[in-house]
All heavy atoms as atom14 arrays in JSON, in Angstrom:
{
  "sequence": "QFFSDFNVGWFRQSPGVEEREFVAAIDWSGHGTDYADSVQGRFTIFRN",
  "atom14_mask": [
    [1, 1, 1, 1, 1, 1, 1, 1, 1, 0, 0, 0, 0, 0],
    [1, 1, 1, 1, 1, 1, 1, 1, 1, 1, 1, 0, 0, 0],
    [1, 1, 1, 1, 1, 1, 1, 1, 1, 1, 1, 0, 0, 0],
    [1, 1, 1, 1, 1, 1, 0, 0, 0, 0, 0, 0, 0, 0],
    [1, 1, 1, 1, 1, 1, 1, 1, 0, 0, 0, 0, 0, 0],
    [1, 1, 1, 1, 1, 1, 1, 1, 1, 1, 1, 0, 0, 0],
    [1, 1, 1, 1, 1, 1, 1, 1, 0, 0, 0, 0, 0, 0],
    [1, 1, 1, 1, 1, 1, 1, 0, 0, 0, 0, 0, 0, 0],
    [1, 1, 1, 1, 0, 0, 0, 0, 0, 0, 0, 0, 0, 0],
    [1, 1, 1, 1, 1, 1, 1, 1, 1, 1, 1, 1, 1, 1],
    [1, 1, 1, 1, 1, 1, 1, 1, 1, 1, 1, 0, 0, 0],
    [1, 1, 1, 1, 1, 1, 1, 1, 1, 1, 1, 0, 0, 0],
    [1, 1, 1, 1, 1, 1, 1, 1, 1, 0, 0, 0, 0, 0],
    [1, 1, 1, 1, 1, 1, 0, 0, 0, 0, 0, 0, 0, 0],
    [1, 1, 1, 1, 1, 1, 1, 0, 0, 0, 0, 0, 0, 0],
    [1, 1, 1, 1, 0, 0, 0, 0, 0, 0, 0, 0, 0, 0],
    [1, 1, 1, 1, 1, 1, 1, 0, 0, 0, 0, 0, 0, 0],
    [1, 1, 1, 1, 1, 1, 1, 1, 1, 0, 0, 0, 0, 0],
    [1, 1, 1, 1, 1, 1, 1, 1, 1, 0, 0, 0, 0, 0],
    [1, 1, 1, 1, 1, 1, 1, 1, 1, 1, 1, 0, 0, 0],
    [1, 1, 1, 1, 1, 1, 1, 1, 1, 0, 0, 0, 0, 0],
    [1, 1, 1, 1, 1, 1, 1, 1, 1, 1, 1, 0, 0, 0],
    [1, 1, 1, 1, 1, 1, 1, 0, 0, 0, 0, 0, 0, 0],
    [1, 1, 1, 1, 1, 0, 0, 0, 0, 0, 0, 0, 0, 0],
    [1, 1, 1, 1, 1, 0, 0, 0, 0, 0, 0, 0, 0, 0],
    [1, 1, 1, 1, 1, 1, 1, 1, 0, 0, 0, 0, 0, 0],
    [1, 1, 1, 1, 1, 1, 1, 1, 0, 0, 0, 0, 0, 0],
    [1, 1, 1, 1, 1, 1, 1, 1, 1, 1, 1, 1, 1, 1],
    [1, 1, 1, 1, 1, 1, 0, 0, 0, 0, 0, 0, 0, 0],
    [1, 1, 1, 1, 0, 0, 0, 0, 0, 0, 0, 0, 0, 0],
    [1, 1, 1, 1, 1, 1, 1, 1, 1, 1, 0, 0, 0, 0],
    [1, 1, 1, 1, 0, 0, 0, 0, 0, 0, 0, 0, 0, 0],
    [1, 1, 1, 1, 1, 1, 1, 0, 0, 0, 0, 0, 0, 0],
    [1, 1, 1, 1, 1, 1, 1, 1, 0, 0, 0, 0, 0, 0],
    [1, 1, 1, 1, 1, 1, 1, 1, 1, 1, 1, 1, 0, 0],
    [1, 1, 1, 1, 1, 0, 0, 0, 0, 0, 0, 0, 0, 0],
    [1, 1, 1, 1, 1, 1, 1, 1, 0, 0, 0, 0, 0, 0],
    [1, 1, 1, 1, 1, 1, 0, 0, 0, 0, 0, 0, 0, 0],
    [1, 1, 1, 1, 1, 1, 1, 0, 0, 0, 0, 0, 0, 0],
    [1, 1, 1, 1, 1, 1, 1, 1, 1, 0, 0, 0, 0, 0],
    [1, 1, 1, 1, 0, 0, 0, 0, 0, 0, 0, 0, 0, 0],
    [1, 1, 1, 1, 1, 1, 1, 1, 1, 1, 1, 0, 0, 0],
    [1, 1, 1, 1, 1, 1, 1, 1, 1, 1, 1, 0, 0, 0],
    [1, 1, 1, 1, 1, 1, 1, 0, 0, 0, 0, 0, 0, 0],
    [1, 1, 1, 1, 1, 1, 1, 1, 0, 0, 0, 0, 0, 0],
    [1, 1, 1, 1, 1, 1, 1, 1, 1, 1, 1, 0, 0, 0],
    [1, 1, 1, 1, 1, 1, 1, 1, 1, 1, 1, 0, 0, 0],
    [1, 1, 1, 1, 1, 1, 1, 1, 0, 0, 0, 0, 0, 0]
  ],
  "atom14_positions": [
    [[1.21, 15.47, 3.81], [1.93, 15.15, 2.6], [2.87, 13.97, 2.78], [3.33, 13.66, 3.86], [2.74, 16.35, 2.13], [1.91, 17.48, 1.58], [2.8, 18.61, 1.06], [3.66, 19.08, 1.78], [2.54, 19.05, -0.17], [0.0, 0.0, 0.0], [0.0, 0.0, 0.0], [0.0, 0.0, 0.0], [0.0, 0.0, 0.0], [0.0, 0.0, 0.0]],
    [[3.13, 13.3, 1.69], [4.2, 12.3, 1.6], [3.95, 11.07, 2.46], [4.91, 10.45, 2.91], [5.55, 12.95, 1.96], [5.83, 14.19, 1.21], [6.06, 15.39, 1.91], [5.85, 14.18, -0.19], [6.34, 16.55, 1.17], [6.07, 15.39, -0.86], [6.31, 16.55, -0.2], [0.0, 0.0, 0.0], [0.0, 0.0, 0.0], [0.0, 0.0, 0.0]],
    [[2.67, 10.69, 2.75], [2.46, 9.47, 3.51], [3.09, 8.29, 2.85], [3.56, 7.38, 3.53], [0.92, 9.27, 3.64], [0.56, 7.99, 4.38], [0.62, 7.94, 5.74], [0.21, 6.86, 3.68], [0.27, 6.78, 6.41], [-0.14, 5.69, 4.33], [-0.15, 5.65, 5.72], [0.0, 0.0, 0.0], [0.0, 0.0, 0.0], [0.0, 0.0, 0.0]],
    [[3.1, 8.26, 1.54], [3.65, 7.13, 0.78], [5.16, 7.02, 0.94], [5.73, 6.03, 0.55], [3.27, 7.22, -0.7], [3.78, 8.39, -1.25], [0.0, 0.0, 0.0], [0.0, 0.0, 0.0], [0.0, 0.0, 0.0], [0.0, 0.0, 0.0], [0.0, 0.0, 0.0], [0.0, 0.0, 0.0], [0.0, 0.0, 0.0], [0.0, 0.0, 0.0]],
    [[5.79, 8.01, 1.54], [7.23, 7.94, 1.78], [7.57, 7.26, 3.08], [8.74, 7.0, 3.37], [7.85, 9.36, 1.82], [7.85, 10.0, 0.43], [7.66, 9.27, -0.59], [8.05, 11.23, 0.33], [0.0, 0.0, 0.0], [0.0, 0.0, 0.0], [0.0, 0.0, 0.0], [0.0, 0.0, 0.0], [0.0, 0.0, 0.0], [0.0, 0.0, 0.0]],
    [[6.55, 6.98, 3.91], [6.78, 6.48, 5.26], [6.61, 5.0, 5.34], [5.7, 4.41, 4.81], [5.82, 7.18, 6.26], [6.2, 8.56, 6.59], [5.76, 9.61, 5.81], [6.99, 8.86, 7.69], [6.08, 10.94, 6.12], [7.29, 10.19, 8.02], [6.87, 11.21, 7.21], [0.0, 0.0, 0.0], [0.0, 0.0, 0.0], [0.0, 0.0, 0.0]],
    [[7.51, 4.34, 6.13], [7.26, 3.01, 6.59], [6.26, 3.07, 7.77], [6.26, 4.02, 8.53], [8.56, 2.39, 7.13], [9.78, 2.56, 6.18], [9.66, 2.05, 5.05], [10.78, 3.23, 6.57], [0.0, 0.0, 0.0], [0.0, 0.0, 0.0], [0.0, 0.0, 0.0], [0.0, 0.0, 0.0], [0.0, 0.0, 0.0], [0.0, 0.0, 0.0]],
    [[5.39, 2.07, 7.87], [4.36, 2.1, 8.87], [4.33, 0.78, 9.64], [4.48, -0.31, 9.02], [2.96, 2.32, 8.21], [1.88, 2.26, 9.24], [2.98, 3.7, 7.52], [0.0, 0.0, 0.0], [0.0, 0.0, 0.0], [0.0, 0.0, 0.0], [0.0, 0.0, 0.0], [0.0, 0.0, 0.0], [0.0, 0.0, 0.0], [0.0, 0.0, 0.0]],
    [[4.16, 0.88, 10.92], [4.08, -0.3, 11.73], [2.84, -0.33, 12.61], [2.25, 0.73, 12.88], [0.0, 0.0, 0.0], [0.0, 0.0, 0.0], [0.0, 0.0, 0.0], [0.0, 0.0, 0.0], [0.0, 0.0, 0.0], [0.0, 0.0, 0.0], [0.0, 0.0, 0.0], [0.0, 0.0, 0.0], [0.0, 0.0, 0.0], [0.0, 0.0, 0.0]],
    [[2.45, -1.54, 12.99], [1.42, -1.71, 14.01], [2.04, -2.25, 15.26], [2.94, -3.13, 15.23], [0.33, -2.73, 13.49], [-0.59, -2.18, 12.51], [-0.5, -2.28, 11.14], [-1.76, -1.37, 12.75], [-1.58, -1.63, 10.53], [-2.36, -1.06, 11.53], [-2.37, -0.96, 13.94], [-3.52, -0.33, 11.42], [-3.53, -0.18, 13.82], [-4.08, 0.12, 12.58]],
    [[1.57, -1.75, 16.37], [2.05, -2.08, 17.67], [0.89, -2.27, 18.63], [-0.18, -1.81, 18.32], [2.98, -0.95, 18.21], [4.01, -0.49, 17.22], [3.69, 0.44, 16.26], [5.3, -0.99, 17.23], [4.61, 0.88, 15.3], [6.21, -0.63, 16.31], [5.9, 0.33, 15.33], [0.0, 0.0, 0.0], [0.0, 0.0, 0.0], [0.0, 0.0, 0.0]],
    [[1.1, -2.96, 19.74], [-0.03, -3.14, 20.62], [0.45, -3.07, 22.12], [1.61, -3.35, 22.39], [-0.76, -4.45, 20.36], [0.06, -5.72, 20.67], [-0.68, -6.96, 20.18], [0.05, -8.17, 20.44], [-0.27, -9.37, 19.98], [-1.38, -9.51, 19.24], [0.45, -10.47, 20.31], [0.0, 0.0, 0.0], [0.0, 0.0, 0.0], [0.0, 0.0, 0.0]],
    [[-0.47, -2.69, 22.96], [-0.24, -2.61, 24.37], [-1.36, -3.41, 25.07], [-2.5, -2.99, 25.01], [-0.2, -1.16, 24.85], [0.22, -1.01, 26.29], [0.57, 0.44, 26.62], [0.41, 1.37, 25.78], [1.06, 0.66, 27.82], [0.0, 0.0, 0.0], [0.0, 0.0, 0.0], [0.0, 0.0, 0.0], [0.0, 0.0, 0.0], [0.0, 0.0, 0.0]],
    [[-0.95, -4.47, 25.71], [-1.9, -5.35, 26.33], [-2.3, -4.82, 27.69], [-1.57, -4.05, 28.26], [-1.29, -6.75, 26.48], [-0.94, -7.29, 25.25], [0.0, 0.0, 0.0], [0.0, 0.0, 0.0], [0.0, 0.0, 0.0], [0.0, 0.0, 0.0], [0.0, 0.0, 0.0], [0.0, 0.0, 0.0], [0.0, 0.0, 0.0], [0.0, 0.0, 0.0]],
    [[-3.51, -5.21, 28.19], [-3.96, -4.69, 29.52], [-2.96, -5.02, 30.58], [-2.47, -6.17, 30.67], [-5.24, -5.45, 29.72], [-5.72, -5.84, 28.39], [-4.49, -6.07, 27.55], [0.0, 0.0, 0.0], [0.0, 0.0, 0.0], [0.0, 0.0, 0.0], [0.0, 0.0, 0.0], [0.0, 0.0, 0.0], [0.0, 0.0, 0.0], [0.0, 0.0, 0.0]],
    [[-2.61, -4.05, 31.39], [-1.74, -4.26, 32.5], [-0.27, -4.33, 32.17], [0.58, -4.55, 33.04], [0.0, 0.0, 0.0], [0.0, 0.0, 0.0], [0.0, 0.0, 0.0], [0.0, 0.0, 0.0], [0.0, 0.0, 0.0], [0.0, 0.0, 0.0], [0.0, 0.0, 0.0], [0.0, 0.0, 0.0], [0.0, 0.0, 0.0], [0.0, 0.0, 0.0]],
    [[0.03, -4.15, 30.9], [1.46, -4.2, 30.43], [1.9, -2.77, 30.13], [1.25, -2.06, 29.38], [1.61, -5.1, 29.23], [3.04, -5.12, 28.74], [1.18, -6.53, 29.57], [0.0, 0.0, 0.0], [0.0, 0.0, 0.0], [0.0, 0.0, 0.0], [0.0, 0.0, 0.0], [0.0, 0.0, 0.0], [0.0, 0.0, 0.0], [0.0, 0.0, 0.0]],
    [[3.04, -2.39, 30.66], [3.49, -1.01, 30.46], [4.06, -0.76, 29.09], [3.87, 0.32, 28.51], [4.55, -0.72, 31.54], [4.92, 0.74, 31.64], [5.82, 1.02, 32.81], [5.69, 0.34, 33.85], [6.73, 1.92, 32.69], [0.0, 0.0, 0.0], [0.0, 0.0, 0.0], [0.0, 0.0, 0.0], [0.0, 0.0, 0.0], [0.0, 0.0, 0.0]],
    [[4.74, -1.76, 28.54], [5.42, -1.56, 27.23], [4.53, -1.95, 26.1], [3.8, -2.96, 26.12], [6.66, -2.44, 27.19], [7.84, -1.88, 27.98], [8.69, -0.9, 27.2], [8.27, -0.51, 26.07], [9.75, -0.51, 27.69], [0.0, 0.0, 0.0], [0.0, 0.0, 0.0], [0.0, 0.0, 0.0], [0.0, 0.0, 0.0], [0.0, 0.0, 0.0]],
    [[4.6, -1.21, 25.0], [4.02, -1.63, 23.74], [4.97, -2.71, 23.11], [6.11, -2.78, 23.5], [3.85, -0.46, 22.76], [2.93, 0.63, 23.3], [2.81, 1.79, 22.29], [2.01, 2.86, 22.9], [1.71, 3.98, 22.3], [2.15, 4.24, 21.06], [0.97, 4.9, 22.9], [0.0, 0.0, 0.0], [0.0, 0.0, 0.0], [0.0, 0.0, 0.0]],
    [[4.36, -3.48, 22.19], [5.2, -4.44, 21.52], [4.92, -4.33, 19.99], [3.85, -3.95, 19.54], [4.88, -5.88, 21.96], [3.49, -6.37, 21.72], [3.28, -7.85, 22.0], [4.27, -8.59, 22.03], [2.15, -8.25, 22.22], [0.0, 0.0, 0.0], [0.0, 0.0, 0.0], [0.0, 0.0, 0.0], [0.0, 0.0, 0.0], [0.0, 0.0, 0.0]],
    [[5.94, -4.69, 19.25], [5.85, -4.65, 17.81], [4.94, -5.78, 17.33], [5.04, -6.88, 17.86], [7.27, -4.82, 17.23], [7.28, -5.11, 15.74], [7.12, -4.12, 14.84], [7.49, -6.4, 15.3], [7.12, -4.37, 13.48], [7.51, -6.69, 13.94], [7.35, -5.65, 13.05], [0.0, 0.0, 0.0], [0.0, 0.0, 0.0], [0.0, 0.0, 0.0]],
    [[4.11, -5.49, 16.34], [3.23, -6.48, 15.76], [3.58, -6.77, 14.33], [3.83, -7.9, 13.93], [1.75, -6.05, 15.88], [0.84, -7.03, 15.16], [1.36, -5.89, 17.32], [0.0, 0.0, 0.0], [0.0, 0.0, 0.0], [0.0, 0.0, 0.0], [0.0, 0.0, 0.0], [0.0, 0.0, 0.0], [0.0, 0.0, 0.0], [0.0, 0.0, 0.0]],
    [[3.62, -5.72, 13.47], [3.86, -5.91, 12.06], [4.3, -4.58, 11.45], [4.02, -3.52, 11.99], [2.63, -6.42, 11.33], [0.0, 0.0, 0.0], [0.0, 0.0, 0.0], [0.0, 0.0, 0.0], [0.0, 0.0, 0.0], [0.0, 0.0, 0.0], [0.0, 0.0, 0.0], [0.0, 0.0, 0.0], [0.0, 0.0, 0.0], [0.0, 0.0, 0.0]],
    [[5.01, -4.63, 10.32], [5.44, -3.42, 9.65], [5.44, -3.6, 8.16], [5.61, -4.74, 7.65], [6.84, -3.01, 10.14], [0.0, 0.0, 0.0], [0.0, 0.0, 0.0], [0.0, 0.0, 0.0], [0.0, 0.0, 0.0], [0.0, 0.0, 0.0], [0.0, 0.0, 0.0], [0.0, 0.0, 0.0], [0.0, 0.0, 0.0], [0.0, 0.0, 0.0]],
    [[5.32, -2.49, 7.46], [5.4, -2.51, 6.01], [6.2, -1.28, 5.53], [6.08, -0.21, 6.11], [3.98, -2.53, 5.38], [3.99, -2.77, 3.88], [3.21, -1.23, 5.72], [2.64, -3.14, 3.26], [0.0, 0.0, 0.0], [0.0, 0.0, 0.0], [0.0, 0.0, 0.0], [0.0, 0.0, 0.0], [0.0, 0.0, 0.0], [0.0, 0.0, 0.0]],
    [[7.03, -1.53, 4.53], [7.89, -0.44, 4.08], [7.07, 0.5, 3.19], [5.93, 0.24, 2.82], [9.15, -0.93, 3.45], [8.97, -1.53, 2.06], [7.82, -1.54, 1.54], [9.95, -2.05, 1.52], [0.0, 0.0, 0.0], [0.0, 0.0, 0.0], [0.0, 0.0, 0.0], [0.0, 0.0, 0.0], [0.0, 0.0, 0.0], [0.0, 0.0, 0.0]],
    [[7.7, 1.59, 2.78], [6.99, 2.63, 2.06], [6.43, 2.13, 0.71], [5.38, 2.56, 0.3], [7.98, 3.79, 1.78], [9.12, 3.43, 0.93], [10.33, 2.91, 1.34], [9.18, 3.5, -0.51], [11.09, 2.64, 0.27], [10.48, 2.99, -0.87], [8.33, 3.94, -1.49], [10.85, 2.93, -2.23], [8.72, 3.87, -2.79], [9.97, 3.38, -3.17]],
    [[7.11, 1.16, 0.1], [6.71, 0.65, -1.21], [5.61, -0.39, -1.1], [4.9, -0.64, -2.1], [7.87, 0.07, -1.93], [8.24, -1.2, -1.34], [0.0, 0.0, 0.0], [0.0, 0.0, 0.0], [0.0, 0.0, 0.0], [0.0, 0.0, 0.0], [0.0, 0.0, 0.0], [0.0, 0.0, 0.0], [0.0, 0.0, 0.0], [0.0, 0.0, 0.0]],
    [[5.44, -0.98, 0.08], [4.49, -2.08, 0.21], [5.06, -3.43, -0.1], [4.37, -4.44, 0.06], [0.0, 0.0, 0.0], [0.0, 0.0, 0.0], [0.0, 0.0, 0.0], [0.0, 0.0, 0.0], [0.0, 0.0, 0.0], [0.0, 0.0, 0.0], [0.0, 0.0, 0.0], [0.0, 0.0, 0.0], [0.0, 0.0, 0.0], [0.0, 0.0, 0.0]],
    [[6.3, -3.48, -0.51], [6.88, -4.79, -0.9], [7.63, -5.44, 0.24], [7.84, -6.68, 0.21], [7.9, -4.54, -2.06], [7.18, -4.08, -3.31], [6.15, -4.77, -3.92], [7.39, -2.99, -4.08], [5.72, -4.1, -4.99], [6.45, -3.03, -5.1], [0.0, 0.0, 0.0], [0.0, 0.0, 0.0], [0.0, 0.0, 0.0], [0.0, 0.0, 0.0]],
    [[8.01, -4.72, 1.23], [8.7, -5.32, 2.38], [7.85, -5.31, 3.6], [7.2, -4.3, 3.97], [0.0, 0.0, 0.0], [0.0, 0.0, 0.0], [0.0, 0.0, 0.0], [0.0, 0.0, 0.0], [0.0, 0.0, 0.0], [0.0, 0.0, 0.0], [0.0, 0.0, 0.0], [0.0, 0.0, 0.0], [0.0, 0.0, 0.0], [0.0, 0.0, 0.0]],
    [[7.81, -6.5, 4.27], [6.98, -6.6, 5.52], [7.79, -7.34, 6.57], [8.76, -8.08, 6.28], [5.64, -7.36, 5.22], [5.95, -8.65, 4.71], [4.75, -6.61, 4.27], [0.0, 0.0, 0.0], [0.0, 0.0, 0.0], [0.0, 0.0, 0.0], [0.0, 0.0, 0.0], [0.0, 0.0, 0.0], [0.0, 0.0, 0.0], [0.0, 0.0, 0.0]],
    [[7.34, -7.22, 7.78], [7.92, -7.93, 8.89], [6.85, -8.18, 9.94], [5.93, -7.37, 10.09], [9.05, -7.1, 9.52], [9.93, -7.94, 10.43], [9.93, -9.2, 10.35], [10.66, -7.39, 11.28], [0.0, 0.0, 0.0], [0.0, 0.0, 0.0], [0.0, 0.0, 0.0], [0.0, 0.0, 0.0], [0.0, 0.0, 0.0], [0.0, 0.0, 0.0]],
    [[6.91, -9.3, 10.63], [5.88, -9.68, 11.63], [6.55, -10.22, 12.9], [7.6, -10.82, 12.85], [5.0, -10.82, 11.03], [4.17, -10.41, 9.85], [4.7, -10.6, 8.55], [2.91, -9.83, 10.01], [3.94, -10.21, 7.46], [2.14, -9.45, 8.91], [2.68, -9.62, 7.64], [1.91, -9.22, 6.58], [0.0, 0.0, 0.0], [0.0, 0.0, 0.0]],
    [[5.84, -9.95, 14.01], [6.23, -10.65, 15.24], [5.92, -12.13, 15.1], [4.95, -12.54, 14.45], [5.48, -10.02, 16.41], [0.0, 0.0, 0.0], [0.0, 0.0, 0.0], [0.0, 0.0, 0.0], [0.0, 0.0, 0.0], [0.0, 0.0, 0.0], [0.0, 0.0, 0.0], [0.0, 0.0, 0.0], [0.0, 0.0, 0.0], [0.0, 0.0, 0.0]],
    [[6.7, -12.95, 15.78], [6.47, -14.39, 15.72], [5.08, -14.77, 16.17], [4.46, -15.69, 15.66], [7.5, -15.11, 16.59], [8.9, -15.07, 16.02], [9.02, -14.77, 14.8], [9.87, -15.34, 16.75], [0.0, 0.0, 0.0], [0.0, 0.0, 0.0], [0.0, 0.0, 0.0], [0.0, 0.0, 0.0], [0.0, 0.0, 0.0], [0.0, 0.0, 0.0]],
    [[4.56, -14.04, 17.14], [3.28, -14.37, 17.74], [2.09, -14.16, 16.78], [1.02, -14.73, 17.05], [3.07, -13.53, 19.01], [3.07, -12.14, 18.69], [0.0, 0.0, 0.0], [0.0, 0.0, 0.0], [0.0, 0.0, 0.0], [0.0, 0.0, 0.0], [0.0, 0.0, 0.0], [0.0, 0.0, 0.0], [0.0, 0.0, 0.0], [0.0, 0.0, 0.0]],
    [[2.28, -13.41, 15.69], [1.15, -13.14, 14.79], [1.47, -13.72, 13.4], [0.58, -13.66, 12.53], [0.86, -11.65, 14.71], [0.59, -11.11, 16.09], [1.94, -10.85, 14.0], [0.0, 0.0, 0.0], [0.0, 0.0, 0.0], [0.0, 0.0, 0.0], [0.0, 0.0, 0.0], [0.0, 0.0, 0.0], [0.0, 0.0, 0.0], [0.0, 0.0, 0.0]],
    [[2.72, -14.16, 13.2], [3.06, -14.7, 11.84], [2.07, -15.78, 11.39], [1.76, -16.67, 12.13], [4.49, -15.29, 11.91], [5.02, -15.82, 10.59], [5.49, -14.72, 9.68], [6.19, -13.81, 10.08], [5.11, -14.8, 8.44], [0.0, 0.0, 0.0], [0.0, 0.0, 0.0], [0.0, 0.0, 0.0], [0.0, 0.0, 0.0], [0.0, 0.0, 0.0]],
    [[1.56, -15.6, 10.18], [0.61, -16.59, 9.64], [-0.83, -16.32, 9.98], [-1.73, -16.91, 9.43], [0.0, 0.0, 0.0], [0.0, 0.0, 0.0], [0.0, 0.0, 0.0], [0.0, 0.0, 0.0], [0.0, 0.0, 0.0], [0.0, 0.0, 0.0], [0.0, 0.0, 0.0], [0.0, 0.0, 0.0], [0.0, 0.0, 0.0], [0.0, 0.0, 0.0]],
    [[-1.06, -15.39, 10.91], [-2.45, -15.05, 11.27], [-2.8, -13.61, 10.87], [-3.93, -13.31, 10.48], [-2.68, -15.18, 12.79], [-2.43, -16.58, 13.31], [-2.85, -16.7, 14.79], [-2.06, -15.84, 15.64], [-2.61, -14.92, 16.45], [-3.9, -14.72, 16.46], [-1.83, -14.14, 17.23], [0.0, 0.0, 0.0], [0.0, 0.0, 0.0], [0.0, 0.0, 0.0]],
    [[-1.81, -12.72, 10.93], [-2.02, -11.29, 10.6], [-1.33, -11.0, 9.28], [-0.27, -11.53, 8.97], [-1.43, -10.43, 11.68], [-2.12, -10.46, 13.03], [-3.11, -11.37, 13.3], [-1.81, -9.51, 13.98], [-3.75, -11.4, 14.54], [-2.44, -9.5, 15.21], [-3.4, -10.43, 15.53], [0.0, 0.0, 0.0], [0.0, 0.0, 0.0], [0.0, 0.0, 0.0]],
    [[-1.92, -10.06, 8.52], [-1.33, -9.6, 7.31], [-1.42, -8.06, 7.25], [-2.48, -7.47, 7.5], [-2.1, -10.18, 6.06], [-2.09, -11.61, 6.1], [-1.43, -9.72, 4.75], [0.0, 0.0, 0.0], [0.0, 0.0, 0.0], [0.0, 0.0, 0.0], [0.0, 0.0, 0.0], [0.0, 0.0, 0.0], [0.0, 0.0, 0.0], [0.0, 0.0, 0.0]],
    [[-0.25, -7.45, 6.93], [-0.23, -6.01, 6.81], [-0.11, -5.67, 5.3], [0.61, -6.34, 4.57], [0.97, -5.43, 7.61], [0.85, -3.85, 7.61], [2.3, -5.92, 7.08], [1.86, -3.24, 8.59], [0.0, 0.0, 0.0], [0.0, 0.0, 0.0], [0.0, 0.0, 0.0], [0.0, 0.0, 0.0], [0.0, 0.0, 0.0], [0.0, 0.0, 0.0]],
    [[-0.91, -4.67, 4.89], [-0.78, -4.23, 3.52], [-1.23, -2.73, 3.45], [-1.75, -2.21, 4.42], [-1.66, -5.07, 2.58], [-3.17, -5.15, 2.9], [-4.06, -4.38, 2.23], [-3.6, -5.97, 3.93], [-5.4, -4.45, 2.52], [-4.94, -6.07, 4.23], [-5.86, -5.31, 3.53], [0.0, 0.0, 0.0], [0.0, 0.0, 0.0], [0.0, 0.0, 0.0]],
    [[-0.93, -2.1, 2.35], [-1.21, -0.67, 2.27], [-1.75, -0.3, 0.91], [-1.47, -0.95, -0.08], [0.06, 0.15, 2.61], [1.17, 0.08, 1.57], [2.45, 0.73, 2.14], [2.3, 2.16, 2.4], [3.14, 2.85, 3.17], [4.17, 2.24, 3.73], [2.96, 4.16, 3.37], [0.0, 0.0, 0.0], [0.0, 0.0, 0.0], [0.0, 0.0, 0.0]],
    [[-2.47, 0.81, 0.89], [-2.98, 1.42, -0.34], [-2.53, 2.9, -0.29], [-3.15, 3.71, 0.38], [-4.5, 1.32, -0.39], [-5.06, 1.84, -1.69], [-4.46, 2.74, -2.33], [-6.19, 1.33, -2.12], [0.0, 0.0, 0.0], [0.0, 0.0, 0.0], [0.0, 0.0, 0.0], [0.0, 0.0, 0.0], [0.0, 0.0, 0.0], [0.0, 0.0, 0.0]]
  ]
}
Protein backbone atom coordinates (compact mmCIF):
# COMPACT_ATOMS: atom_id res chain seq x y z
CA GLN A 1 0.00 0.00 0.00
CA PHE A 2 0.81 3.66 -0.38
CA PHE A 3 3.61 3.37 -2.97
CA SER A 4 2.54 6.77 -4.26
CA ASP A 5 3.42 8.27 -0.88
CA PHE A 6 7.09 7.34 -1.24
CA ASN A 7 10.00 9.21 -2.73
CA VAL A 8 12.06 6.83 -4.89
CA GLY A 9 15.69 6.87 -5.87
CA TRP A 10 18.00 4.97 -8.18
CA PHE A 11 21.46 4.05 -6.97
CA ARG A 12 24.29 2.00 -8.44
CA GLN A 13 27.24 -0.05 -7.32
CA SER A 14 30.07 -0.36 -9.79
CA PRO A 15 32.26 -3.48 -10.06
CA GLY A 16 34.92 -3.56 -7.39
CA VAL A 17 33.47 -0.58 -5.55
CA GLU A 18 32.21 -1.13 -2.03
CA GLU A 19 29.89 1.86 -1.79
CA ARG A 20 26.72 2.46 -3.74
CA GLU A 21 26.28 5.92 -5.24
CA PHE A 22 23.25 8.08 -5.79
CA VAL A 23 22.05 8.32 -9.40
CA ALA A 24 18.63 9.99 -9.50
CA ALA A 25 15.53 10.54 -7.38
CA ILE A 26 11.92 11.55 -7.78
CA ASP A 27 9.55 12.77 -5.12
CA TRP A 28 6.19 11.19 -4.32
CA SER A 29 4.29 13.58 -6.62
CA GLY A 30 6.58 13.15 -9.60
CA HIS A 31 7.21 16.87 -9.83
CA GLY A 32 10.52 17.00 -8.00
CA THR A 33 13.64 15.31 -9.31
CA ASP A 34 17.36 15.28 -8.61
CA TYR A 35 20.32 13.82 -10.52
CA ALA A 36 23.95 13.06 -9.95
CA ASP A 37 26.24 15.30 -12.03
CA SER A 38 27.59 12.25 -13.85
CA VAL A 39 24.18 11.38 -15.36
CA GLN A 40 22.59 14.84 -15.70
CA GLY A 41 21.32 15.30 -19.24
CA ARG A 42 21.62 11.60 -20.10
CA PHE A 43 19.29 9.92 -17.59
CA THR A 44 15.65 10.76 -16.85
CA ILE A 45 13.63 9.54 -13.89
CA PHE A 46 9.85 9.48 -14.00
CA ARG A 47 7.00 7.61 -12.35
CA ASN A 48 3.54 6.27 -13.00
